[in-house]
Amino acid sequence: MAILGNDAYEWYLYQARQPCVLASARGQRGVLAKDAAFGVRGASSDKRARRLILKELGPRTVFSLPQAQADALLKKSRPLDADALRPEPKATRLAARLARADPKQFWSVVAALNWPKYGLDPAYLAIARAALRERLRASELTRLEKAAARHRRALQKAVERLEKQADEQLFLGGDDSFYDALAHAVSSGQRAFDAFVRKPESFVKKYNRAPIEGENFESCFL
């Protein structure tokens, strides 16, 4: 059994084989995804509880589970080596950017996520989701999700007006591709997004030339 030393604590390392909803002492929620790496130890202040940390969030965010629930989770998990739980550098950098962002300002959070740069990494969506849930309340996440959808619809209307004027379909993809491209345009930040709304032909030109690959940006907030 591998053990990762962290300050005064030692964590036993596992890979989850089933998802598990978690809560921290601060009332923040997290989700241990299937196949995700996590660490577990006893709780010094409560012998009936176990503490957990997630690879995506690092050792500073500690969750709690009742002993019986933790024991059931461990029976369906696989032991790991010590390197498995070390935080991803991208997760550490994202946490620092989100700490500087204003959660009440949608575009501030968008800038911190920097989706156009990192979103092509298949692992980044899970990193972004975990970091947002560690940093923000559920109500703040819901507000951000609604803001992203509102901006997407505004750009969609601008493109549809342009197509109506041209009397032809200008965007050369299906509905799913259009949805992904609109969401990606929102992820580009306020300045780029406002430019697309003012000149929707620039959106059509950009995303016809370079279709979106990877996950939809709005999935970060779900």
Protein backbone atom coordinates (compact mmCIF):
# COMPACT_ATOMS: atom_id res chain seq x y z
CA MET A 1 0.00 0.00 0.00
CA ALA A 2 1.50 3.33 -1.05
CA ILE A 3 1.40 6.26 1.36
CA LEU A 4 1.78 9.90 0.41
CA GLY A 5 3.19 12.15 3.14
CA ASN A 6 1.57 15.58 3.33
CA ASP A 7 2.57 17.90 6.18
CA ALA A 8 1.55 16.09 9.40
CA TYR A 9 -0.67 13.55 7.62
CA GLU A 10 -0.17 10.39 5.62
CA TRP A 11 -2.71 9.49 2.95
CA TYR A 12 -3.45 6.01 1.65
CA LEU A 13 -3.90 6.19 -2.11
CA TYR A 14 -6.66 4.63 -4.21
CA GLN A 15 -8.36 4.80 -7.59
CA ALA A 16 -12.15 4.98 -7.41
CA ARG A 17 -14.18 2.38 -9.25
CA GLN A 18 -17.46 4.15 -8.61
CA PRO A 19 -18.43 7.84 -8.27
CA CYS A 20 -19.04 9.37 -4.85
CA VAL A 21 -20.46 12.76 -3.81
CA LEU A 22 -18.31 14.53 -1.20
CA ALA A 23 -18.64 17.50 1.16
CA SER A 24 -15.97 19.54 2.94
CA ALA A 25 -16.04 21.07 6.40
CA ARG A 26 -16.66 24.43 4.69
CA GLY A 27 -19.83 23.08 3.11
CA GLN A 28 -18.36 22.88 -0.37
CA ARG A 29 -19.27 19.98 -2.61
CA GLY A 30 -17.11 17.76 -4.75
CA VAL A 31 -17.48 14.63 -6.83
CA LEU A 32 -15.08 11.73 -6.78
CA ALA A 33 -15.38 10.52 -10.37
CA LYS A 34 -15.02 6.93 -11.47
CA ASP A 35 -11.33 6.07 -12.10
CA ALA A 36 -10.18 9.24 -10.29
CA ALA A 37 -7.26 9.12 -7.85
CA PHE A 38 -7.88 9.99 -4.21
CA GLY A 39 -6.24 9.79 -0.79
CA VAL A 40 -7.85 8.71 2.47
CA ARG A 41 -6.87 8.87 6.14
CA GLY A 42 -8.49 8.73 9.55
CA ALA A 43 -9.95 11.88 11.08
CA SER A 44 -8.05 12.92 14.19
CA SER A 45 -11.05 14.84 15.55
CA ASP A 46 -13.68 12.20 14.80
CA LYS A 47 -12.97 8.47 14.94
CA ARG A 48 -16.22 7.78 13.09
CA ALA A 49 -15.14 9.71 9.98
CA ARG A 50 -12.57 9.48 7.20
CA ARG A 51 -10.88 12.36 5.33
CA LEU A 52 -10.44 12.35 1.55
CA ILE A 53 -8.44 14.46 -0.91
CA LEU A 54 -8.75 14.46 -4.71
CA LYS A 55 -5.95 14.58 -7.23
CA GLU A 56 -7.71 17.37 -9.17
CA LEU A 57 -7.82 19.69 -6.15
CA GLY A 58 -4.66 18.79 -4.26
CA PRO A 59 -4.18 18.30 -0.51
CA ARG A 60 -5.57 21.64 0.70
CA THR A 61 -9.19 20.75 0.01
CA VAL A 62 -10.22 18.01 2.43
CA PHE A 63 -13.55 16.18 2.31
CA SER A 64 -15.19 14.01 4.96
CA LEU A 65 -17.10 10.74 4.80
CA PRO A 66 -18.68 8.63 7.55
CA GLN A 67 -16.48 5.63 8.31
CA ALA A 68 -18.98 3.09 6.98
CA GLN A 69 -19.38 4.94 3.69
CA ALA A 70 -15.62 5.35 3.33
CA ASP A 71 -15.02 1.65 4.05
CA ALA A 72 -17.58 0.69 1.40
CA LEU A 73 -15.87 3.01 -1.09
CA LEU A 74 -12.44 1.51 -0.38
CA LYS A 75 -13.70 -2.04 -0.92
CA LYS A 76 -14.55 -1.03 -4.49
CA SER A 77 -11.36 0.97 -5.10
CA ARG A 78 -7.87 0.00 -6.25
CA PRO A 79 -4.67 0.88 -4.33
CA LEU A 80 -2.25 3.22 -6.14
CA ASP A 81 1.37 4.28 -5.93
CA ALA A 82 2.40 7.60 -4.39
CA ASP A 83 2.90 9.49 -7.66
CA ALA A 84 -0.74 9.02 -8.64
CA LEU A 85 -2.08 11.64 -6.25
CA ARG A 86 0.30 14.49 -6.94
CA PRO A 87 -1.76 17.45 -8.27
CA GLU A 88 -1.68 18.21 -11.99
CA PRO A 89 0.26 21.44 -12.66
CA LYS A 90 -2.72 22.70 -14.68
CA ALA A 91 -4.98 22.21 -11.66
CA THR A 92 -2.60 24.15 -9.41
CA ARG A 93 -2.34 27.04 -11.87
CA LEU A 94 -6.10 27.11 -12.46
CA ALA A 95 -6.78 27.22 -8.71
CA ALA A 96 -4.47 30.23 -8.44
CA ARG A 97 -6.21 32.02 -11.33
CA LEU A 98 -9.66 31.35 -9.88
CA ALA A 99 -8.51 32.66 -6.50
CA ARG A 100 -7.78 35.99 -8.19
CA ALA A 101 -11.02 36.03 -10.19
CA ASP A 102 -14.23 37.71 -9.06
CA PRO A 103 -16.94 35.00 -9.00
CA LYS A 104 -19.61 37.69 -9.42
CA GLN A 105 -18.06 38.75 -12.73
CA PHE A 106 -18.74 36.20 -15.47
CA TRP A 107 -15.96 37.40 -17.74
CA SER A 108 -13.46 37.29 -14.88
CA VAL A 109 -14.13 33.57 -14.41
CA VAL A 110 -14.03 32.99 -18.18
CA ALA A 111 -10.59 34.60 -18.32
CA ALA A 112 -9.36 32.43 -15.44
CA LEU A 113 -10.54 29.24 -17.15
CA ASN A 114 -8.72 30.18 -20.40
CA TRP A 115 -10.66 27.51 -22.26
CA PRO A 116 -9.32 28.28 -25.78
CA LYS A 117 -5.80 27.50 -24.53
CA TYR A 118 -6.46 24.48 -22.32
CA GLY A 119 -9.80 23.05 -23.50
CA LEU A 120 -8.26 20.73 -26.12
CA ASP A 121 -6.70 18.69 -23.30
CA PRO A 122 -9.19 15.85 -22.62
CA ALA A 123 -8.35 16.03 -18.91
CA TYR A 124 -9.00 19.75 -18.54
CA LEU A 125 -12.79 19.59 -18.28
CA ALA A 126 -12.56 17.43 -15.13
CA ILE A 127 -9.88 19.76 -13.73
CA ALA A 128 -12.03 22.83 -14.43
CA ARG A 129 -15.17 21.31 -12.94
CA ALA A 130 -13.38 20.23 -9.78
CA ALA A 131 -11.68 23.61 -9.34
CA LEU A 132 -14.92 25.55 -9.87
CA ARG A 133 -16.79 23.40 -7.35
CA GLU A 134 -14.04 23.80 -4.80
CA ARG A 135 -13.96 27.56 -5.23
CA LEU A 136 -17.63 28.49 -5.80
CA ARG A 137 -21.00 27.87 -4.22
CA ALA A 138 -23.64 25.92 -6.12
CA SER A 139 -25.68 29.11 -6.58
CA GLU A 140 -22.66 30.86 -8.11
CA LEU A 141 -22.11 27.99 -10.52
CA THR A 142 -25.76 28.12 -11.56
CA ARG A 143 -25.50 31.85 -12.18
CA LEU A 144 -22.38 31.36 -14.31
CA GLU A 145 -24.07 28.57 -16.27
CA LYS A 146 -27.03 30.85 -17.02
CA ALA A 147 -24.74 33.70 -18.02
CA ALA A 148 -22.85 31.46 -20.45
CA ALA A 149 -26.12 30.31 -22.02
CA ARG A 150 -27.42 33.88 -22.23
CA HIS A 151 -24.34 35.08 -24.09
CA ARG A 152 -24.44 32.06 -26.38
CA ARG A 153 -28.05 32.82 -27.33
CA ALA A 154 -27.21 36.47 -28.00
CA LEU A 155 -24.51 35.47 -30.48
CA GLN A 156 -26.78 32.85 -32.01
CA LYS A 157 -29.41 35.51 -32.73
CA ALA A 158 -26.78 37.74 -34.35
CA VAL A 159 -25.65 34.90 -36.65
CA GLU A 160 -29.24 33.96 -37.51
CA ARG A 161 -30.03 37.57 -38.43
CA LEU A 162 -27.02 37.57 -40.74
CA GLU A 163 -28.17 34.34 -42.39
CA LYS A 164 -31.67 35.73 -42.81
CA GLN A 165 -30.27 38.80 -44.57
CA ALA A 166 -28.13 36.59 -46.83
CA ASP A 167 -31.06 34.20 -47.39
CA GLU A 168 -28.78 31.20 -46.94
CA GLN A 169 -27.11 29.12 -44.26
CA LEU A 170 -23.66 30.56 -43.64
CA PHE A 171 -22.43 28.36 -40.82
CA LEU A 172 -21.37 25.08 -42.43
CA GLY A 173 -22.04 22.68 -39.57
CA GLY A 174 -24.96 20.94 -37.95
CA ASP A 175 -26.83 22.01 -34.83
CA ASP A 176 -24.35 20.39 -32.43
CA SER A 177 -21.37 21.97 -34.19
CA PHE A 178 -23.10 25.36 -34.12
CA TYR A 179 -23.81 25.01 -30.39
CA ASP A 180 -20.20 24.06 -29.65
CA ALA A 181 -18.84 26.93 -31.75
CA LEU A 182 -21.10 29.48 -30.04
CA ALA A 183 -20.04 28.25 -26.60
CA HIS A 184 -16.39 28.36 -27.65
CA ALA A 185 -16.83 31.95 -28.83
CA VAL A 186 -18.11 32.83 -25.35
CA SER A 187 -15.07 31.13 -23.83
CA SER A 188 -12.80 33.41 -25.89
CA GLY A 189 -13.47 36.29 -23.49
CA GLN A 190 -15.49 39.49 -23.46
CA ARG A 191 -13.49 41.41 -26.05
CA ALA A 192 -13.55 38.65 -28.67
CA PHE A 193 -17.18 37.81 -27.92
CA ASP A 194 -18.35 41.42 -28.31
CA ALA A 195 -16.51 41.58 -31.64
CA PHE A 196 -18.34 38.46 -32.84
CA VAL A 197 -21.72 39.95 -31.88
CA ARG A 198 -20.93 43.20 -33.70
CA LYS A 199 -19.69 41.34 -36.78
CA PRO A 200 -21.20 37.84 -36.81
CA GLU A 201 -19.62 37.25 -40.22
CA SER A 202 -16.27 37.10 -38.38
CA PHE A 203 -17.67 34.30 -36.21
CA VAL A 204 -18.83 32.39 -39.30
CA LYS A 205 -15.47 32.80 -41.00
CA LYS A 206 -13.47 31.71 -37.96
CA TYR A 207 -15.49 28.64 -37.03
CA ASN A 208 -16.14 27.46 -40.59
CA ARG A 209 -12.37 27.44 -41.07
CA ALA A 210 -11.55 25.76 -37.74
CA PRO A 211 -14.38 23.57 -36.37
CA ILE A 212 -14.37 22.99 -32.62
CA GLU A 213 -12.91 19.80 -31.22
CA GLY A 214 -13.23 18.54 -27.67
CA GLU A 215 -15.83 19.22 -24.98
CA ASN A 216 -18.36 22.03 -24.93
CA PHE A 217 -17.25 24.98 -22.80
CA GLU A 218 -20.55 25.20 -20.92
CA SER A 219 -19.91 21.72 -19.51
CA CYS A 220 -17.53 23.38 -17.04
CA PHE A 221 -20.48 24.76 -15.10
CA LEU A 222 -22.69 21.65 -15.10
